[in-house]
Amino acid sequence: MGLINVLVVDDEPDYLETLVKRLSKRNYSVRGASGGLEALELLRQEPADVVLLDIKMPGMDGMQTLQEIKKKSPDTRVIILTGHASVESARDGISLGAFDYLVKPSTLDEIMIKIQESLHANPSL
C-alpha cells in the first residue's frame, strides 16, 4: 500500500490547518476542506481512503456530506469528528455509514489509530 489518502473536513481554519500539517508529517497524503461542498469537489477530483469529517459546519453539515460521500463512494471510510455535545449525532452518523467517531479534541495518536483501524476493516484499500 502506498501513502494513505486522507481528507480532513472542518470549518475551523486553525484546527484544519494544524491537523493537515501534523498528519502530513507522519507520511499521510492529506488534503483539507473547509466545508461539505468543497470536500465533495475534492473527492470528485481525487478519491480519499479516509475522510475525517466534522459534523457541525455551516451550509452543508457533516451528516449531509456523509450521505453524499457514501452515495458516490461507498468504500471510503468516514470518521466523524465531534464535540462532546453531539456524541448522539455521531452515533447517528454510524447508522448512515460512518466507520466510527472521535470526540474533539482528540490526540494525533488517537486519530492515527482510528485511521488505521478503518483501513484494516477494509483490506482492499
Foldseek 3Di string as FASTA:
>chain_A
DAAAEEEEEAQPVVVQVVLQVVVVVVRHRYDYHNDLVRVVVVCVVPNGQEYEAEADDPDQGRLNSLLVCCVVPVRRAYEYEYAPVCVVVQVVSVVSRHPYYDHPPDDSVVVVVVSVVSCVVPVVD
